[in-house]
Amino acid sequence: MSTPAPLPSTIAWIAASEDDTARLAQRLAAAMHADRALADVLLTLRGELGAGKTTFVRHLLRSLGVTGRIKSPTYALVEPYELPAAKDGACALPAWHADLYRFDDPREWEDAGLRELFATPGLKLVEWPEKAAALLPMPDLDLRFLHGDSDDERHIVPTARTPRGAALLTALA
């Protein structure tokens, strides 16, 4: 049995403004456009209320070509989207944005039918993943959002958890 390659070290990005957050989301989207397999990932987003998780998701989905309204799934639990077909002819991929903030018990994951949704191909973006505890699959990339020194500044700390997550970080480096 071979030893898996080590994942890249965790790095931190500082977004001094929402424009910086948008640029980071655009870079991530560019990596996903360049290699469509990188759009078939699970990204978890952690952080306090108002730390910029939903803002980042909106910018990412918009940069991936989602048109129309991109809304927070806080009350709906999951919002579905369709990523446009790639220029190289690759099929369109589904995308789901889940917000588990209102979960009181990890068993709600099962009750909501999320196991089946997360077993299918596509981009999955999950805010408040800790609310699903160990029921959530291993994320490819975990993004931790922290408030910075000013009202607008955010520190975004990505951690690759899988080789595909490591490939995303490498593409962003």
N, C-alpha and C. Protein backbone atom coordinates (compact mmCIF):
# COMPACT_ATOMS: atom_id res chain seq x y z
N MET A 1 0.85 -1.19 0.00
CA MET A 1 0.00 0.00 0.00
C MET A 1 0.89 1.24 0.00
N SER A 2 0.62 2.17 -0.90
CA SER A 2 1.44 3.37 -0.98
C SER A 2 0.96 4.42 0.01
N THR A 3 1.87 5.26 0.40
CA THR A 3 1.55 6.35 1.32
C THR A 3 1.01 7.51 0.52
N PRO A 4 -0.15 8.07 0.94
CA PRO A 4 -0.69 9.21 0.19
C PRO A 4 0.24 10.41 0.28
N ALA A 5 0.24 11.21 -0.77
CA ALA A 5 1.05 12.43 -0.78
C ALA A 5 0.55 13.38 0.29
N PRO A 6 1.46 14.08 0.96
CA PRO A 6 1.02 15.02 1.99
C PRO A 6 0.22 16.16 1.38
N LEU A 7 -0.72 16.66 2.15
CA LEU A 7 -1.51 17.80 1.69
C LEU A 7 -0.73 19.08 1.94
N PRO A 8 -0.94 20.13 1.13
CA PRO A 8 -0.23 21.38 1.35
C PRO A 8 -0.54 21.95 2.73
N SER A 9 0.39 22.71 3.24
CA SER A 9 0.20 23.36 4.52
C SER A 9 -0.97 24.32 4.45
N THR A 10 -1.59 24.54 5.59
CA THR A 10 -2.66 25.52 5.66
C THR A 10 -2.05 26.91 5.48
N ILE A 11 -2.72 27.74 4.73
CA ILE A 11 -2.32 29.12 4.52
C ILE A 11 -3.46 30.01 4.98
N ALA A 12 -3.25 31.28 5.01
CA ALA A 12 -4.32 32.21 5.40
C ALA A 12 -4.35 33.35 4.40
N TRP A 13 -5.56 33.75 4.06
CA TRP A 13 -5.75 34.90 3.20
C TRP A 13 -6.38 36.01 4.03
N ILE A 14 -5.99 37.23 3.76
CA ILE A 14 -6.60 38.37 4.43
C ILE A 14 -7.38 39.14 3.39
N ALA A 15 -8.67 39.29 3.64
CA ALA A 15 -9.54 40.08 2.77
C ALA A 15 -9.85 41.37 3.53
N ALA A 16 -9.30 42.48 3.04
CA ALA A 16 -9.50 43.75 3.72
C ALA A 16 -10.87 44.36 3.40
N SER A 17 -11.54 43.80 2.39
CA SER A 17 -12.83 44.33 1.98
C SER A 17 -13.62 43.23 1.29
N GLU A 18 -14.88 43.51 1.00
CA GLU A 18 -15.69 42.54 0.25
C GLU A 18 -15.12 42.35 -1.15
N ASP A 19 -14.52 43.39 -1.72
CA ASP A 19 -13.90 43.24 -3.04
C ASP A 19 -12.78 42.20 -3.00
N ASP A 20 -12.01 42.18 -1.91
CA ASP A 20 -10.96 41.17 -1.77
C ASP A 20 -11.57 39.78 -1.66
N THR A 21 -12.68 39.66 -0.94
CA THR A 21 -13.36 38.38 -0.82
C THR A 21 -13.84 37.93 -2.19
N ALA A 22 -14.38 38.85 -2.97
CA ALA A 22 -14.85 38.54 -4.32
C ALA A 22 -13.69 38.06 -5.19
N ARG A 23 -12.53 38.71 -5.08
CA ARG A 23 -11.37 38.31 -5.88
C ARG A 23 -10.90 36.90 -5.51
N LEU A 24 -10.94 36.58 -4.24
CA LEU A 24 -10.56 35.23 -3.81
C LEU A 24 -11.54 34.21 -4.38
N ALA A 25 -12.84 34.50 -4.31
CA ALA A 25 -13.85 33.61 -4.87
C ALA A 25 -13.65 33.46 -6.38
N GLN A 26 -13.30 34.54 -7.05
CA GLN A 26 -13.05 34.49 -8.50
C GLN A 26 -11.85 33.61 -8.82
N ARG A 27 -10.81 33.66 -7.99
CA ARG A 27 -9.64 32.80 -8.20
C ARG A 27 -10.01 31.33 -8.02
N LEU A 28 -10.82 31.05 -7.01
CA LEU A 28 -11.26 29.68 -6.79
C LEU A 28 -12.11 29.20 -7.97
N ALA A 29 -13.00 30.05 -8.45
CA ALA A 29 -13.83 29.72 -9.61
C ALA A 29 -12.96 29.48 -10.84
N ALA A 30 -11.92 30.28 -11.03
CA ALA A 30 -11.03 30.11 -12.18
C ALA A 30 -10.35 28.74 -12.12
N ALA A 31 -9.95 28.31 -10.93
CA ALA A 31 -9.35 26.98 -10.78
C ALA A 31 -10.35 25.89 -11.13
N MET A 32 -11.61 26.09 -10.74
CA MET A 32 -12.66 25.12 -11.04
C MET A 32 -12.99 25.10 -12.53
N HIS A 33 -12.93 26.26 -13.17
CA HIS A 33 -13.15 26.32 -14.62
C HIS A 33 -12.01 25.64 -15.37
N ALA A 34 -10.78 25.82 -14.88
CA ALA A 34 -9.61 25.25 -15.55
C ALA A 34 -9.59 23.72 -15.46
N ASP A 35 -10.10 23.20 -14.36
CA ASP A 35 -10.15 21.75 -14.15
C ASP A 35 -11.51 21.42 -13.57
N ARG A 36 -12.43 20.97 -14.44
CA ARG A 36 -13.82 20.75 -14.03
C ARG A 36 -13.94 19.78 -12.85
N ALA A 37 -13.00 18.86 -12.69
CA ALA A 37 -13.03 17.93 -11.55
C ALA A 37 -12.93 18.69 -10.23
N LEU A 38 -12.33 19.87 -10.25
CA LEU A 38 -12.20 20.65 -9.02
C LEU A 38 -13.50 21.34 -8.64
N ALA A 39 -14.50 21.28 -9.51
CA ALA A 39 -15.82 21.83 -9.18
C ALA A 39 -16.72 20.76 -8.56
N ASP A 40 -16.26 19.52 -8.54
CA ASP A 40 -17.01 18.42 -7.95
C ASP A 40 -16.44 18.16 -6.56
N VAL A 41 -16.67 19.13 -5.67
CA VAL A 41 -16.06 19.09 -4.34
C VAL A 41 -17.06 19.49 -3.26
N LEU A 42 -16.68 19.18 -2.04
CA LEU A 42 -17.42 19.62 -0.86
C LEU A 42 -16.56 20.66 -0.14
N LEU A 43 -17.08 21.88 -0.07
CA LEU A 43 -16.42 22.95 0.67
C LEU A 43 -17.24 23.25 1.91
N THR A 44 -16.59 23.24 3.06
CA THR A 44 -17.28 23.64 4.29
C THR A 44 -16.80 25.03 4.66
N LEU A 45 -17.73 25.81 5.20
CA LEU A 45 -17.43 27.19 5.58
C LEU A 45 -17.81 27.37 7.04
N ARG A 46 -16.81 27.71 7.86
CA ARG A 46 -17.02 27.85 9.30
C ARG A 46 -16.74 29.29 9.71
N GLY A 47 -17.40 29.75 10.74
CA GLY A 47 -17.15 31.09 11.25
C GLY A 47 -18.38 31.63 11.95
N GLU A 48 -18.16 32.67 12.72
CA GLU A 48 -19.26 33.30 13.45
C GLU A 48 -20.26 33.93 12.48
N LEU A 49 -21.41 34.28 13.02
CA LEU A 49 -22.39 35.03 12.23
C LEU A 49 -21.72 36.31 11.74
N GLY A 50 -21.96 36.65 10.48
CA GLY A 50 -21.42 37.88 9.92
C GLY A 50 -19.95 37.81 9.53
N ALA A 51 -19.36 36.62 9.52
CA ALA A 51 -17.94 36.49 9.21
C ALA A 51 -17.66 36.50 7.70
N GLY A 52 -18.70 36.40 6.86
CA GLY A 52 -18.51 36.49 5.42
C GLY A 52 -18.70 35.20 4.65
N LYS A 53 -19.23 34.18 5.28
CA LYS A 53 -19.41 32.88 4.61
C LYS A 53 -20.38 32.98 3.44
N THR A 54 -21.55 33.52 3.67
CA THR A 54 -22.56 33.61 2.61
C THR A 54 -22.11 34.57 1.51
N THR A 55 -21.46 35.64 1.89
CA THR A 55 -20.93 36.59 0.90
C THR A 55 -19.94 35.89 -0.01
N PHE A 56 -19.05 35.10 0.56
CA PHE A 56 -18.08 34.35 -0.23
C PHE A 56 -18.79 33.39 -1.19
N VAL A 57 -19.79 32.67 -0.70
CA VAL A 57 -20.53 31.72 -1.54
C VAL A 57 -21.20 32.45 -2.70
N ARG A 58 -21.82 33.58 -2.42
CA ARG A 58 -22.46 34.35 -3.51
C ARG A 58 -21.46 34.73 -4.59
N HIS A 59 -20.30 35.22 -4.17
CA HIS A 59 -19.28 35.60 -5.15
C HIS A 59 -18.76 34.38 -5.90
N LEU A 60 -18.59 33.26 -5.22
CA LEU A 60 -18.11 32.05 -5.88
C LEU A 60 -19.11 31.56 -6.92
N LEU A 61 -20.38 31.45 -6.53
CA LEU A 61 -21.40 30.97 -7.47
C LEU A 61 -21.54 31.91 -8.67
N ARG A 62 -21.51 33.21 -8.41
CA ARG A 62 -21.60 34.19 -9.51
C ARG A 62 -20.39 34.01 -10.44
N SER A 63 -19.21 33.83 -9.87
CA SER A 63 -17.99 33.65 -10.68
C SER A 63 -18.00 32.35 -11.46
N LEU A 64 -18.76 31.37 -10.98
CA LEU A 64 -18.89 30.10 -11.68
C LEU A 64 -19.96 30.15 -12.77
N GLY A 65 -20.64 31.29 -12.89
CA GLY A 65 -21.60 31.46 -13.97
C GLY A 65 -23.06 31.33 -13.58
N VAL A 66 -23.34 31.23 -12.29
CA VAL A 66 -24.74 31.16 -11.85
C VAL A 66 -25.36 32.53 -12.07
N THR A 67 -26.51 32.54 -12.73
CA THR A 67 -27.23 33.79 -12.96
C THR A 67 -28.49 33.80 -12.09
N GLY A 68 -29.11 34.93 -12.00
CA GLY A 68 -30.31 35.03 -11.18
C GLY A 68 -29.95 35.26 -9.72
N ARG A 69 -30.95 35.18 -8.90
CA ARG A 69 -30.79 35.47 -7.48
C ARG A 69 -30.06 34.33 -6.77
N ILE A 70 -29.07 34.69 -5.99
CA ILE A 70 -28.36 33.74 -5.13
C ILE A 70 -28.71 34.14 -3.71
N LYS A 71 -29.50 33.30 -3.05
CA LYS A 71 -29.98 33.66 -1.73
C LYS A 71 -29.44 32.74 -0.66
N SER A 72 -29.49 33.22 0.55
CA SER A 72 -29.04 32.43 1.70
C SER A 72 -30.04 31.31 1.97
N PRO A 73 -29.54 30.10 2.19
CA PRO A 73 -30.45 28.99 2.46
C PRO A 73 -30.77 28.82 3.96
N THR A 74 -30.62 29.87 4.75
CA THR A 74 -30.82 29.75 6.19
C THR A 74 -32.18 29.14 6.51
N TYR A 75 -33.22 29.56 5.84
CA TYR A 75 -34.56 29.03 6.14
C TYR A 75 -34.93 27.85 5.27
N ALA A 76 -34.45 27.83 4.03
CA ALA A 76 -34.78 26.75 3.11
C ALA A 76 -33.88 25.53 3.34
N LEU A 77 -32.79 25.68 4.06
CA LEU A 77 -31.80 24.66 4.35
C LEU A 77 -30.84 24.45 3.19
N VAL A 78 -31.35 24.22 1.97
CA VAL A 78 -30.51 24.00 0.79
C VAL A 78 -31.08 24.76 -0.39
N GLU A 79 -30.19 25.46 -1.10
CA GLU A 79 -30.58 26.11 -2.35
C GLU A 79 -29.83 25.44 -3.49
N PRO A 80 -30.54 24.93 -4.50
CA PRO A 80 -29.88 24.29 -5.64
C PRO A 80 -29.56 25.30 -6.73
N TYR A 81 -28.47 25.04 -7.45
CA TYR A 81 -28.06 25.87 -8.59
C TYR A 81 -27.54 24.94 -9.66
N GLU A 82 -27.41 25.45 -10.87
CA GLU A 82 -26.83 24.70 -11.98
C GLU A 82 -25.64 25.49 -12.48
N LEU A 83 -24.47 24.87 -12.45
CA LEU A 83 -23.29 25.50 -13.02
C LEU A 83 -23.32 25.29 -14.52
N PRO A 84 -23.07 26.29 -15.31
CA PRO A 84 -23.12 26.14 -16.77
C PRO A 84 -22.13 25.09 -17.26
N ALA A 85 -22.40 24.56 -18.44
CA ALA A 85 -21.49 23.60 -19.06
C ALA A 85 -20.13 24.27 -19.29
N ALA A 86 -19.09 23.48 -19.18
CA ALA A 86 -17.73 24.00 -19.39
C ALA A 86 -17.49 24.26 -20.86
N LYS A 87 -16.55 25.14 -21.15
CA LYS A 87 -16.23 25.48 -22.54
C LYS A 87 -15.67 24.29 -23.31
N ASP A 88 -15.07 23.34 -22.57
CA ASP A 88 -14.50 22.17 -23.24
C ASP A 88 -15.55 21.10 -23.53
N GLY A 89 -16.81 21.44 -23.30
CA GLY A 89 -17.89 20.51 -23.58
C GLY A 89 -18.32 19.66 -22.40
N ALA A 90 -17.62 19.79 -21.27
CA ALA A 90 -18.02 19.03 -20.08
C ALA A 90 -19.43 19.45 -19.67
N CYS A 91 -20.18 18.48 -19.18
CA CYS A 91 -21.57 18.71 -18.81
C CYS A 91 -21.69 19.74 -17.69
N ALA A 92 -22.86 20.34 -17.63
CA ALA A 92 -23.17 21.24 -16.52
C ALA A 92 -23.18 20.42 -15.24
N LEU A 93 -22.78 21.05 -14.16
CA LEU A 93 -22.79 20.39 -12.85
C LEU A 93 -23.81 21.06 -11.95
N PRO A 94 -24.44 20.28 -11.09
CA PRO A 94 -25.30 20.90 -10.09
C PRO A 94 -24.44 21.48 -8.97
N ALA A 95 -24.99 22.42 -8.28
CA ALA A 95 -24.35 23.00 -7.09
C ALA A 95 -25.42 23.15 -6.03
N TRP A 96 -25.03 22.92 -4.79
CA TRP A 96 -25.95 23.08 -3.67
C TRP A 96 -25.27 23.91 -2.61
N HIS A 97 -26.02 24.86 -2.07
CA HIS A 97 -25.56 25.69 -0.97
C HIS A 97 -26.44 25.38 0.23
N ALA A 98 -25.84 24.79 1.25
CA ALA A 98 -26.58 24.40 2.45
C ALA A 98 -26.15 25.26 3.63
N ASP A 99 -27.10 25.61 4.46
CA ASP A 99 -26.82 26.34 5.69
C ASP A 99 -27.46 25.54 6.82
N LEU A 100 -26.63 24.95 7.66
CA LEU A 100 -27.11 24.06 8.72
C LEU A 100 -27.26 24.78 10.06
N TYR A 101 -27.24 26.11 10.04
CA TYR A 101 -27.30 26.89 11.28
C TYR A 101 -28.48 26.52 12.16
N ARG A 102 -29.62 26.24 11.57
CA ARG A 102 -30.83 25.97 12.34
C ARG A 102 -30.93 24.52 12.83
N PHE A 103 -29.98 23.68 12.45
CA PHE A 103 -30.00 22.30 12.96
C PHE A 103 -29.82 22.31 14.47
N ASP A 104 -30.68 21.57 15.16
CA ASP A 104 -30.54 21.42 16.61
C ASP A 104 -29.96 20.06 16.97
N ASP A 105 -30.08 19.13 16.04
CA ASP A 105 -29.66 17.76 16.30
C ASP A 105 -29.09 17.21 15.00
N PRO A 106 -27.90 16.59 15.04
CA PRO A 106 -27.32 16.06 13.81
C PRO A 106 -28.23 15.08 13.07
N ARG A 107 -29.18 14.47 13.76
CA ARG A 107 -30.09 13.53 13.08
C ARG A 107 -30.97 14.23 12.06
N GLU A 108 -31.09 15.54 12.17
CA GLU A 108 -31.86 16.30 11.17
C GLU A 108 -31.24 16.15 9.79
N TRP A 109 -29.94 15.84 9.73
CA TRP A 109 -29.25 15.58 8.47
C TRP A 109 -29.95 14.46 7.72
N GLU A 110 -30.18 13.36 8.43
CA GLU A 110 -30.86 12.21 7.83
C GLU A 110 -32.30 12.56 7.47
N ASP A 111 -33.00 13.19 8.41
CA ASP A 111 -34.40 13.54 8.19
C ASP A 111 -34.60 14.44 6.98
N ALA A 112 -33.62 15.29 6.70
CA ALA A 112 -33.72 16.22 5.58
C ALA A 112 -33.32 15.58 4.24
N GLY A 113 -32.84 14.35 4.27
CA GLY A 113 -32.45 13.65 3.05
C GLY A 113 -31.12 14.13 2.47
N LEU A 114 -30.29 14.72 3.32
CA LEU A 114 -29.05 15.27 2.81
C LEU A 114 -28.00 14.21 2.47
N ARG A 115 -28.09 13.03 3.06
CA ARG A 115 -27.12 11.98 2.74
C ARG A 115 -27.15 11.68 1.24
N GLU A 116 -28.36 11.55 0.68
CA GLU A 116 -28.49 11.24 -0.75
C GLU A 116 -27.98 12.39 -1.61
N LEU A 117 -28.32 13.61 -1.24
CA LEU A 117 -27.88 14.78 -2.00
C LEU A 117 -26.36 14.86 -2.04
N PHE A 118 -25.72 14.62 -0.90
CA PHE A 118 -24.27 14.76 -0.83
C PHE A 118 -23.53 13.56 -1.40
N ALA A 119 -24.24 12.53 -1.80
CA ALA A 119 -23.62 11.37 -2.44
C ALA A 119 -23.57 11.53 -3.96
N THR A 120 -24.17 12.59 -4.49
CA THR A 120 -24.21 12.81 -5.93
C THR A 120 -23.09 13.77 -6.35
N PRO A 121 -22.69 13.73 -7.63
CA PRO A 121 -21.65 14.65 -8.11
C PRO A 121 -22.15 16.09 -8.08
N GLY A 122 -21.21 17.01 -7.97
CA GLY A 122 -21.53 18.43 -8.00
C GLY A 122 -20.80 19.18 -6.91
N LEU A 123 -20.96 20.48 -6.94
CA LEU A 123 -20.36 21.36 -5.95
C LEU A 123 -21.29 21.46 -4.75
N LYS A 124 -20.75 21.19 -3.57
CA LYS A 124 -21.53 21.32 -2.34
C LYS A 124 -20.84 22.33 -1.45
N LEU A 125 -21.58 23.34 -1.03
CA LEU A 125 -21.09 24.40 -0.16
C LEU A 125 -21.91 24.34 1.12
N VAL A 126 -21.25 24.14 2.25
CA VAL A 126 -21.98 23.94 3.51
C VAL A 126 -21.50 24.92 4.57
N GLU A 127 -22.42 25.78 4.98
CA GLU A 127 -22.16 26.65 6.12
C GLU A 127 -22.61 25.94 7.40
N TRP A 128 -21.89 26.18 8.48
CA TRP A 128 -22.18 25.59 9.79
C TRP A 128 -22.11 24.05 9.73
N PRO A 129 -21.05 23.48 9.15
CA PRO A 129 -20.96 22.02 9.03
C PRO A 129 -20.91 21.31 10.37
N GLU A 130 -20.45 21.99 11.40
CA GLU A 130 -20.37 21.35 12.72
C GLU A 130 -21.74 20.95 13.25
N LYS A 131 -22.81 21.54 12.74
CA LYS A 131 -24.16 21.20 13.17
C LYS A 131 -24.58 19.81 12.70
N ALA A 132 -23.89 19.27 11.69
CA ALA A 132 -24.20 17.91 11.21
C ALA A 132 -23.26 16.89 11.84
N ALA A 133 -22.31 17.38 12.65
CA ALA A 133 -21.35 16.52 13.33
C ALA A 133 -20.67 15.56 12.35
N ALA A 134 -20.54 14.33 12.71
CA ALA A 134 -19.80 13.35 11.90
C ALA A 134 -20.63 12.82 10.72
N LEU A 135 -21.87 13.25 10.56
CA LEU A 135 -22.70 12.76 9.47
C LEU A 135 -22.32 13.36 8.12
N LEU A 136 -21.69 14.51 8.15
CA LEU A 136 -21.27 15.17 6.92
C LEU A 136 -20.04 14.44 6.36
N PRO A 137 -20.01 14.18 5.06
CA PRO A 137 -18.80 13.56 4.49
C PRO A 137 -17.57 14.45 4.71
N MET A 138 -16.40 13.85 4.57
CA MET A 138 -15.15 14.60 4.70
C MET A 138 -15.12 15.70 3.64
N PRO A 139 -14.94 16.95 4.06
CA PRO A 139 -14.87 18.02 3.06
C PRO A 139 -13.55 17.95 2.31
N ASP A 140 -13.59 18.40 1.08
CA ASP A 140 -12.35 18.51 0.31
C ASP A 140 -11.54 19.70 0.81
N LEU A 141 -12.26 20.79 1.06
CA LEU A 141 -11.60 22.01 1.52
C LEU A 141 -12.47 22.64 2.60
N ASP A 142 -11.86 22.93 3.73
CA ASP A 142 -12.55 23.58 4.85
C ASP A 142 -12.06 25.03 4.89
N LEU A 143 -13.01 25.96 4.88
CA LEU A 143 -12.68 27.39 4.94
C LEU A 143 -13.16 27.95 6.27
N ARG A 144 -12.24 28.49 7.06
CA ARG A 144 -12.60 29.11 8.34
C ARG A 144 -12.52 30.63 8.15
N PHE A 145 -13.63 31.31 8.46
CA PHE A 145 -13.74 32.77 8.32
C PHE A 145 -13.65 33.39 9.70
N LEU A 146 -12.72 34.34 9.85
CA LEU A 146 -12.51 35.02 11.12
C LEU A 146 -12.59 36.52 10.90
N HIS A 147 -13.18 37.22 11.87
CA HIS A 147 -13.22 38.68 11.81
C HIS A 147 -11.80 39.20 11.95
N GLY A 148 -11.48 40.26 11.20
CA GLY A 148 -10.16 40.87 11.26
C GLY A 148 -10.13 42.07 12.17
N ASP A 149 -9.15 42.92 11.97
CA ASP A 149 -8.94 44.08 12.82
C ASP A 149 -9.94 45.20 12.56
N SER A 150 -10.47 45.28 11.34
CA SER A 150 -11.47 46.31 11.04
C SER A 150 -12.81 45.63 10.79
N ASP A 151 -13.87 46.42 10.67
CA ASP A 151 -15.21 45.88 10.44
C ASP A 151 -15.28 45.08 9.14
N ASP A 152 -14.52 45.49 8.13
CA ASP A 152 -14.59 44.85 6.82
C ASP A 152 -13.56 43.73 6.63
N GLU A 153 -12.53 43.70 7.45
CA GLU A 153 -11.44 42.74 7.24
C GLU A 153 -11.85 41.34 7.71
N ARG A 154 -11.49 40.36 6.89
CA ARG A 154 -11.73 38.95 7.21
C ARG A 154 -10.45 38.17 6.97
N HIS A 155 -10.21 37.19 7.82
CA HIS A 155 -9.13 36.24 7.62
C HIS A 155 -9.80 34.94 7.20
N ILE A 156 -9.37 34.40 6.10
CA ILE A 156 -9.94 33.16 5.58
C ILE A 156 -8.83 32.12 5.58
N VAL A 157 -9.05 31.08 6.36
CA VAL A 157 -8.03 30.05 6.53
C VAL A 157 -8.53 28.76 5.87
N PRO A 158 -7.95 28.40 4.72
CA PRO A 158 -8.35 27.17 4.03
C PRO A 158 -7.50 25.99 4.52
N THR A 159 -8.13 24.85 4.68
CA THR A 159 -7.41 23.63 5.03
C THR A 159 -7.88 22.53 4.10
N ALA A 160 -6.94 21.95 3.37
CA ALA A 160 -7.25 20.84 2.48
C ALA A 160 -7.41 19.58 3.32
N ARG A 161 -8.47 18.84 3.06
CA ARG A 161 -8.73 17.59 3.79
C ARG A 161 -8.60 16.37 2.88
N THR A 162 -8.56 16.59 1.57
CA THR A 162 -8.46 15.49 0.60
C THR A 162 -7.47 15.91 -0.50
N PRO A 163 -7.05 14.96 -1.33
CA PRO A 163 -6.19 15.34 -2.46
C PRO A 163 -6.84 16.35 -3.40
N ARG A 164 -8.15 16.26 -3.59
CA ARG A 164 -8.83 17.24 -4.46
C ARG A 164 -8.80 18.62 -3.82
N GLY A 165 -8.96 18.69 -2.51
CA GLY A 165 -8.84 19.96 -1.79
C GLY A 165 -7.43 20.51 -1.90
N ALA A 166 -6.44 19.63 -1.82
CA ALA A 166 -5.05 20.04 -1.98
C ALA A 166 -4.81 20.59 -3.38
N ALA A 167 -5.45 19.97 -4.37
CA ALA A 167 -5.31 20.45 -5.75
C ALA A 167 -5.91 21.85 -5.89
N LEU A 168 -7.02 22.09 -5.21
CA LEU A 168 -7.60 23.45 -5.24
C LEU A 168 -6.64 24.46 -4.63
N LEU A 169 -6.06 24.12 -3.48
CA LEU A 169 -5.11 25.04 -2.84
C LEU A 169 -3.90 25.26 -3.74
N THR A 170 -3.41 24.21 -4.36
CA THR A 170 -2.26 24.34 -5.25
C THR A 170 -2.60 25.26 -6.42
N ALA A 171 -3.81 25.13 -6.95
CA ALA A 171 -4.24 25.97 -8.08
C ALA A 171 -4.34 27.43 -7.65
N LEU A 172 -4.59 27.67 -6.39
CA LEU A 172 -4.73 29.04 -5.89
C LEU A 172 -3.40 29.66 -5.49
N ALA A 173 -2.37 28.82 -5.31
CA ALA A 173 -1.09 29.32 -4.81
C ALA A 173 -0.39 30.19 -5.84
